[in-house]
Amino acid sequence: MSELLSKIQEIAKGKDLSTLGSSIKFVVGDEIVFIDPEAGTITSDDTEASCTVTVEHETMSEILSGDTSSQAAFMTGKLKVAGDMGVALKVGTILS
């Protein structure tokens, strides 16, 4: 299991994943983190998602540590979103 996957699972532990409404996949370098709110799981499955967020490791680390916001990363082009933007906006409730 990757360090990133473990960290996101720990941050989201005990939170209601169903609030996302749809699945989201993070592509972080060569790693995948897939959040499935229906199953209530966070895995490394490379499965089709309603929303895909692509970001580099350094930027994701900054977001998870609170050194930068996902909105700032998006506005500066360091974070890219494909698909349902609404899901991307809700993910902060799980990862904060």
C-alpha atoms as a PDB file:
ATOM      1  CA  MET A   1       0.000   0.000   0.000  1.00  0.00           C
ATOM      2  CA  SER A   2       1.351   3.417  -0.922  1.00  0.00           C
ATOM      3  CA  GLU A   3       2.110   6.109   1.625  1.00  0.00           C
ATOM      4  CA  LEU A   4      -0.292   8.483  -0.150  1.00  0.00           C
ATOM      5  CA  LEU A   5      -3.144   5.970  -0.057  1.00  0.00           C
ATOM      6  CA  SER A   6      -2.523   5.297   3.637  1.00  0.00           C
ATOM      7  CA  LYS A   7      -2.441   9.011   4.423  1.00  0.00           C
ATOM      8  CA  ILE A   8      -5.729   9.718   2.617  1.00  0.00           C
ATOM      9  CA  GLN A   9      -7.380   6.704   4.278  1.00  0.00           C
ATOM     10  CA  GLU A  10      -6.226   7.975   7.688  1.00  0.00           C
ATOM     11  CA  ILE A  11      -7.434  11.547   7.045  1.00  0.00           C
ATOM     12  CA  ALA A  12     -10.846  10.293   5.857  1.00  0.00           C
ATOM     13  CA  LYS A  13     -11.235   7.697   8.606  1.00  0.00           C
ATOM     14  CA  GLY A  14     -14.618   8.023  10.285  1.00  0.00           C
ATOM     15  CA  LYS A  15     -15.929  10.554   7.757  1.00  0.00           C
ATOM     16  CA  ASP A  16     -19.059   9.947   5.705  1.00  0.00           C
ATOM     17  CA  LEU A  17     -17.823   9.283   2.167  1.00  0.00           C
ATOM     18  CA  SER A  18     -21.403   9.285   0.879  1.00  0.00           C
ATOM     19  CA  THR A  19     -21.407  13.100   1.111  1.00  0.00           C
ATOM     20  CA  LEU A  20     -19.349  13.106  -2.096  1.00  0.00           C
ATOM     21  CA  GLY A  21     -22.308  11.732  -4.021  1.00  0.00           C
ATOM     22  CA  SER A  22     -20.089  10.254  -6.756  1.00  0.00           C
ATOM     23  CA  SER A  23     -16.726   8.586  -7.129  1.00  0.00           C
ATOM     24  CA  ILE A  24     -13.477  10.497  -7.450  1.00  0.00           C
ATOM     25  CA  LYS A  25     -10.080   9.344  -8.635  1.00  0.00           C
ATOM     26  CA  PHE A  26      -6.812  11.082  -7.839  1.00  0.00           C
ATOM     27  CA  VAL A  27      -3.955  10.541 -10.256  1.00  0.00           C
ATOM     28  CA  VAL A  28      -0.865  11.599  -8.350  1.00  0.00           C
ATOM     29  CA  GLY A  29       2.230  10.952 -10.410  1.00  0.00           C
ATOM     30  CA  ASP A  30       2.091   7.204 -11.003  1.00  0.00           C
ATOM     31  CA  GLU A  31      -0.241   6.520  -8.047  1.00  0.00           C
ATOM     32  CA  ILE A  32      -4.025   6.182  -8.046  1.00  0.00           C
ATOM     33  CA  VAL A  33      -6.357   6.864  -5.133  1.00  0.00           C
ATOM     34  CA  PHE A  34      -9.994   5.959  -5.825  1.00  0.00           C
ATOM     35  CA  ILE A  35     -12.742   7.051  -3.427  1.00  0.00           C
ATOM     36  CA  ASP A  36     -15.987   5.121  -3.872  1.00  0.00           C
ATOM     37  CA  PRO A  37     -18.720   6.676  -1.732  1.00  0.00           C
ATOM     38  CA  GLU A  38     -21.227   3.907  -2.530  1.00  0.00           C
ATOM     39  CA  ALA A  39     -18.928   1.192  -1.186  1.00  0.00           C
ATOM     40  CA  GLY A  40     -17.438   3.488   1.459  1.00  0.00           C
ATOM     41  CA  THR A  41     -13.904   2.596   0.361  1.00  0.00           C
ATOM     42  CA  ILE A  42     -10.655   4.302  -0.542  1.00  0.00           C
ATOM     43  CA  THR A  43      -8.425   2.093  -2.684  1.00  0.00           C
ATOM     44  CA  SER A  44      -5.716   2.170  -5.336  1.00  0.00           C
ATOM     45  CA  ASP A  45      -8.127   0.776  -7.966  1.00  0.00           C
ATOM     46  CA  ASP A  46      -7.748   2.384 -11.381  1.00  0.00           C
ATOM     47  CA  THR A  47     -11.486   2.483 -11.981  1.00  0.00           C
ATOM     48  CA  GLU A  48     -13.569   4.939 -14.012  1.00  0.00           C
ATOM     49  CA  ALA A  49     -14.781   7.774 -11.768  1.00  0.00           C
ATOM     50  CA  SER A  50     -17.259  10.633 -12.069  1.00  0.00           C
ATOM     51  CA  CYS A  51     -14.391  13.030 -11.397  1.00  0.00           C
ATOM     52  CA  THR A  52     -10.658  12.638 -11.974  1.00  0.00           C
ATOM     53  CA  VAL A  53      -8.157  14.958 -10.308  1.00  0.00           C
ATOM     54  CA  THR A  54      -4.617  14.983 -11.667  1.00  0.00           C
ATOM     55  CA  VAL A  55      -1.865  16.496  -9.554  1.00  0.00           C
ATOM     56  CA  GLU A  56       1.860  16.044  -8.871  1.00  0.00           C
ATOM     57  CA  HIS A  57       3.084  14.476  -5.590  1.00  0.00           C
ATOM     58  CA  GLU A  58       4.563  17.717  -4.268  1.00  0.00           C
ATOM     59  CA  THR A  59       1.342  19.661  -4.786  1.00  0.00           C
ATOM     60  CA  MET A  60      -0.788  16.877  -3.256  1.00  0.00           C
ATOM     61  CA  SER A  61       1.489  16.818  -0.205  1.00  0.00           C
ATOM     62  CA  GLU A  62       1.071  20.592   0.140  1.00  0.00           C
ATOM     63  CA  ILE A  63      -2.716  20.249  -0.078  1.00  0.00           C
ATOM     64  CA  LEU A  64      -2.890  17.418   2.480  1.00  0.00           C
ATOM     65  CA  SER A  65      -0.593  19.248   4.908  1.00  0.00           C
ATOM     66  CA  GLY A  66      -2.563  22.479   4.583  1.00  0.00           C
ATOM     67  CA  ASP A  67       0.355  24.421   3.081  1.00  0.00           C
ATOM     68  CA  THR A  68      -1.790  25.230   0.037  1.00  0.00           C
ATOM     69  CA  SER A  69      -5.445  24.863  -0.862  1.00  0.00           C
ATOM     70  CA  SER A  70      -6.845  22.759  -3.649  1.00  0.00           C
ATOM     71  CA  GLN A  71      -8.484  25.914  -5.020  1.00  0.00           C
ATOM     72  CA  ALA A  72      -5.119  27.710  -5.225  1.00  0.00           C
ATOM     73  CA  ALA A  73      -3.544  24.661  -6.893  1.00  0.00           C
ATOM     74  CA  PHE A  74      -6.399  24.567  -9.412  1.00  0.00           C
ATOM     75  CA  MET A  75      -6.186  28.295 -10.176  1.00  0.00           C
ATOM     76  CA  THR A  76      -2.425  28.052 -10.795  1.00  0.00           C
ATOM     77  CA  GLY A  77      -2.770  25.004 -13.050  1.00  0.00           C
ATOM     78  CA  LYS A  78      -1.078  22.605 -10.634  1.00  0.00           C
ATOM     79  CA  LEU A  79      -4.292  20.611 -10.163  1.00  0.00           C
ATOM     80  CA  LYS A  80      -6.485  19.546 -13.077  1.00  0.00           C
ATOM     81  CA  VAL A  81     -10.067  18.323 -12.853  1.00  0.00           C
ATOM     82  CA  ALA A  82     -11.887  16.229 -15.462  1.00  0.00           C
ATOM     83  CA  GLY A  83     -15.533  15.303 -15.117  1.00  0.00           C
ATOM     84  CA  ASP A  84     -17.940  16.371 -12.379  1.00  0.00           C
ATOM     85  CA  MET A  85     -16.491  19.518 -10.801  1.00  0.00           C
ATOM     86  CA  GLY A  86     -19.131  19.313  -8.052  1.00  0.00           C
ATOM     87  CA  VAL A  87     -17.499  16.166  -6.670  1.00  0.00           C
ATOM     88  CA  ALA A  88     -14.094  17.871  -6.660  1.00  0.00           C
ATOM     89  CA  LEU A  89     -15.543  20.748  -4.659  1.00  0.00           C
ATOM     90  CA  LYS A  90     -17.002  18.361  -2.046  1.00  0.00           C
ATOM     91  CA  VAL A  91     -13.819  16.337  -1.517  1.00  0.00           C
ATOM     92  CA  GLY A  92     -12.483  18.984   0.871  1.00  0.00           C
ATOM     93  CA  THR A  93     -15.005  17.826   3.441  1.00  0.00           C
ATOM     94  CA  ILE A  94     -13.386  14.388   3.402  1.00  0.00           C
ATOM     95  CA  LEU A  95      -9.719  15.417   3.226  1.00  0.00           C
ATOM     96  CA  SER A  96      -9.708  18.233   5.766  1.00  0.00           C
END
